[in-house]
Amino acid sequence: MREITRVELISPYANRLSPELQAVIDTNQIRVLVGMDYCVELGFDGEEQGKQVDFRPQLPLIMSW
């Protein structure tokens, strides 16, 4: 894993964003999606290897590479 190529934040409140978070989203560096639970999804190296580790429920994190 050399480069982060995807960052997604999933939140039940993603439709109610602060102006500060909206400014970050507007840079096209991250995506924010509405979901039932909080979670961060990180993609590395274009996810070319097709592998994934899901750390839930201990940690709301999914990593793909």
N, C-alpha and C. Protein backbone atom coordinates (compact mmCIF):
# COMPACT_ATOMS: atom_id res chain seq x y z
N MET A 1 0.85 -1.17 0.00
CA MET A 1 0.00 0.00 0.00
C MET A 1 0.90 1.23 0.00
N ARG A 2 0.86 1.91 -1.11
CA ARG A 2 1.73 3.07 -1.27
C ARG A 2 0.97 4.39 -1.29
N GLU A 3 -0.19 4.40 -1.92
CA GLU A 3 -0.90 5.66 -2.12
C GLU A 3 -2.38 5.48 -1.81
N ILE A 4 -2.94 6.41 -1.06
CA ILE A 4 -4.39 6.42 -0.82
C ILE A 4 -5.05 6.98 -2.07
N THR A 5 -5.93 6.19 -2.67
CA THR A 5 -6.59 6.61 -3.90
C THR A 5 -8.10 6.79 -3.75
N ARG A 6 -8.63 6.44 -2.58
CA ARG A 6 -10.07 6.63 -2.34
C ARG A 6 -10.28 6.82 -0.85
N VAL A 7 -11.08 7.83 -0.52
CA VAL A 7 -11.49 8.07 0.86
C VAL A 7 -12.99 8.33 0.85
N GLU A 8 -13.73 7.49 1.58
CA GLU A 8 -15.17 7.67 1.70
C GLU A 8 -15.55 7.65 3.17
N LEU A 9 -16.37 8.60 3.54
CA LEU A 9 -16.91 8.66 4.89
C LEU A 9 -18.39 8.34 4.81
N ILE A 10 -18.83 7.35 5.58
CA ILE A 10 -20.24 6.97 5.60
C ILE A 10 -20.80 7.40 6.94
N SER A 11 -21.95 8.08 6.90
CA SER A 11 -22.55 8.62 8.11
C SER A 11 -24.06 8.68 7.95
N PRO A 12 -24.80 8.42 9.03
CA PRO A 12 -26.25 8.59 8.96
C PRO A 12 -26.65 10.05 8.78
N TYR A 13 -25.71 10.97 9.03
CA TYR A 13 -26.00 12.40 8.94
C TYR A 13 -25.27 13.07 7.79
N ALA A 14 -24.92 12.31 6.79
CA ALA A 14 -24.15 12.86 5.67
C ALA A 14 -24.92 13.90 4.87
N ASN A 15 -26.20 13.96 5.05
CA ASN A 15 -26.99 14.98 4.34
C ASN A 15 -27.05 16.29 5.12
N ARG A 16 -26.39 16.35 6.29
CA ARG A 16 -26.34 17.57 7.11
C ARG A 16 -24.87 17.91 7.38
N LEU A 17 -24.20 18.44 6.39
CA LEU A 17 -22.76 18.68 6.50
C LEU A 17 -22.46 20.10 6.97
N SER A 18 -21.40 20.21 7.73
CA SER A 18 -20.93 21.54 8.13
C SER A 18 -20.31 22.23 6.92
N PRO A 19 -20.26 23.55 6.92
CA PRO A 19 -19.60 24.26 5.81
C PRO A 19 -18.14 23.85 5.65
N GLU A 20 -17.48 23.54 6.76
CA GLU A 20 -16.07 23.14 6.70
C GLU A 20 -15.91 21.80 5.99
N LEU A 21 -16.75 20.83 6.35
CA LEU A 21 -16.67 19.52 5.70
C LEU A 21 -17.07 19.64 4.23
N GLN A 22 -18.06 20.46 3.93
CA GLN A 22 -18.46 20.65 2.54
C GLN A 22 -17.31 21.24 1.73
N ALA A 23 -16.54 22.13 2.33
CA ALA A 23 -15.38 22.70 1.64
C ALA A 23 -14.35 21.62 1.30
N VAL A 24 -14.15 20.66 2.20
CA VAL A 24 -13.22 19.55 1.93
C VAL A 24 -13.78 18.68 0.81
N ILE A 25 -15.06 18.38 0.85
CA ILE A 25 -15.70 17.57 -0.19
C ILE A 25 -15.57 18.24 -1.55
N ASP A 26 -15.70 19.56 -1.57
CA ASP A 26 -15.62 20.31 -2.82
C ASP A 26 -14.26 20.21 -3.49
N THR A 27 -13.23 19.79 -2.76
CA THR A 27 -11.90 19.60 -3.35
C THR A 27 -11.80 18.27 -4.09
N ASN A 28 -12.84 17.45 -4.02
CA ASN A 28 -12.88 16.12 -4.65
C ASN A 28 -11.83 15.17 -4.10
N GLN A 29 -11.41 15.38 -2.87
CA GLN A 29 -10.46 14.48 -2.22
C GLN A 29 -11.16 13.36 -1.47
N ILE A 30 -12.39 13.60 -1.02
CA ILE A 30 -13.15 12.59 -0.29
C ILE A 30 -14.59 12.61 -0.78
N ARG A 31 -15.28 11.51 -0.51
CA ARG A 31 -16.72 11.42 -0.76
C ARG A 31 -17.39 11.16 0.58
N VAL A 32 -18.56 11.72 0.75
CA VAL A 32 -19.35 11.47 1.95
C VAL A 32 -20.68 10.88 1.50
N LEU A 33 -21.02 9.73 2.08
CA LEU A 33 -22.22 9.00 1.70
C LEU A 33 -23.12 8.78 2.91
N VAL A 34 -24.41 8.71 2.68
CA VAL A 34 -25.36 8.41 3.74
C VAL A 34 -25.39 6.89 3.93
N GLY A 35 -25.30 6.46 5.18
CA GLY A 35 -25.37 5.04 5.51
C GLY A 35 -25.96 4.86 6.89
N MET A 36 -26.32 3.65 7.22
CA MET A 36 -26.92 3.37 8.53
C MET A 36 -25.94 3.58 9.68
N ASP A 37 -24.68 3.23 9.47
CA ASP A 37 -23.66 3.31 10.51
C ASP A 37 -22.49 4.16 10.02
N TYR A 38 -21.73 4.64 10.97
CA TYR A 38 -20.51 5.37 10.64
C TYR A 38 -19.44 4.40 10.14
N CYS A 39 -18.68 4.82 9.14
CA CYS A 39 -17.60 3.99 8.63
C CYS A 39 -16.68 4.85 7.75
N VAL A 40 -15.42 4.50 7.72
CA VAL A 40 -14.45 5.10 6.81
C VAL A 40 -13.97 4.00 5.88
N GLU A 41 -13.99 4.28 4.59
CA GLU A 41 -13.46 3.33 3.61
C GLU A 41 -12.26 3.98 2.93
N LEU A 42 -11.13 3.27 2.97
CA LEU A 42 -9.90 3.75 2.34
C LEU A 42 -9.50 2.79 1.23
N GLY A 43 -9.21 3.34 0.07
CA GLY A 43 -8.70 2.55 -1.04
C GLY A 43 -7.25 2.92 -1.30
N PHE A 44 -6.43 1.93 -1.60
CA PHE A 44 -5.01 2.15 -1.84
C PHE A 44 -4.64 1.65 -3.23
N ASP A 45 -3.76 2.38 -3.88
CA ASP A 45 -3.16 1.95 -5.16
C ASP A 45 -4.21 1.56 -6.21
N GLY A 46 -5.31 2.29 -6.25
CA GLY A 46 -6.35 2.00 -7.23
C GLY A 46 -7.08 0.69 -7.01
N GLU A 47 -6.83 0.06 -5.87
CA GLU A 47 -7.49 -1.20 -5.48
C GLU A 47 -7.29 -2.29 -6.54
N GLU A 48 -6.13 -2.27 -7.16
CA GLU A 48 -5.83 -3.19 -8.27
C GLU A 48 -5.75 -4.65 -7.85
N GLN A 49 -5.37 -4.93 -6.62
CA GLN A 49 -5.23 -6.32 -6.19
C GLN A 49 -6.57 -6.96 -5.82
N GLY A 50 -7.60 -6.16 -5.66
CA GLY A 50 -8.92 -6.69 -5.34
C GLY A 50 -9.03 -7.27 -3.94
N LYS A 51 -8.19 -6.83 -3.03
CA LYS A 51 -8.23 -7.34 -1.66
C LYS A 51 -8.85 -6.30 -0.74
N GLN A 52 -9.41 -6.81 0.38
CA GLN A 52 -10.10 -5.92 1.31
C GLN A 52 -10.04 -6.50 2.71
N VAL A 53 -9.92 -5.61 3.68
CA VAL A 53 -10.01 -6.00 5.09
C VAL A 53 -11.08 -5.12 5.72
N ASP A 54 -12.04 -5.76 6.37
CA ASP A 54 -13.14 -5.07 7.04
C ASP A 54 -12.92 -5.21 8.54
N PHE A 55 -12.65 -4.12 9.21
CA PHE A 55 -12.34 -4.13 10.64
C PHE A 55 -13.59 -4.01 11.52
N ARG A 56 -14.76 -3.90 10.89
CA ARG A 56 -15.98 -3.78 11.69
C ARG A 56 -16.29 -5.11 12.36
N PRO A 57 -16.91 -5.17 13.48
CA PRO A 57 -17.48 -4.06 14.25
C PRO A 57 -16.50 -3.42 15.25
N GLN A 58 -15.30 -3.97 15.39
CA GLN A 58 -14.36 -3.41 16.36
C GLN A 58 -13.93 -1.99 16.00
N LEU A 59 -13.76 -1.73 14.72
CA LEU A 59 -13.32 -0.43 14.23
C LEU A 59 -14.09 -0.12 12.96
N PRO A 60 -14.72 1.05 12.85
CA PRO A 60 -15.52 1.36 11.66
C PRO A 60 -14.63 1.73 10.47
N LEU A 61 -13.90 0.74 9.96
CA LEU A 61 -12.92 0.99 8.90
C LEU A 61 -12.88 -0.19 7.94
N ILE A 62 -12.87 0.13 6.65
CA ILE A 62 -12.68 -0.86 5.59
C ILE A 62 -11.52 -0.38 4.73
N MET A 63 -10.54 -1.25 4.52
CA MET A 63 -9.39 -0.91 3.69
C MET A 63 -9.36 -1.84 2.48
N SER A 64 -9.20 -1.26 1.30
CA SER A 64 -9.15 -2.03 0.05
C SER A 64 -7.87 -1.67 -0.70
N TRP A 65 -7.26 -2.69 -1.34
CA TRP A 65 -6.06 -2.43 -2.13
C TRP A 65 -5.98 -3.37 -3.31
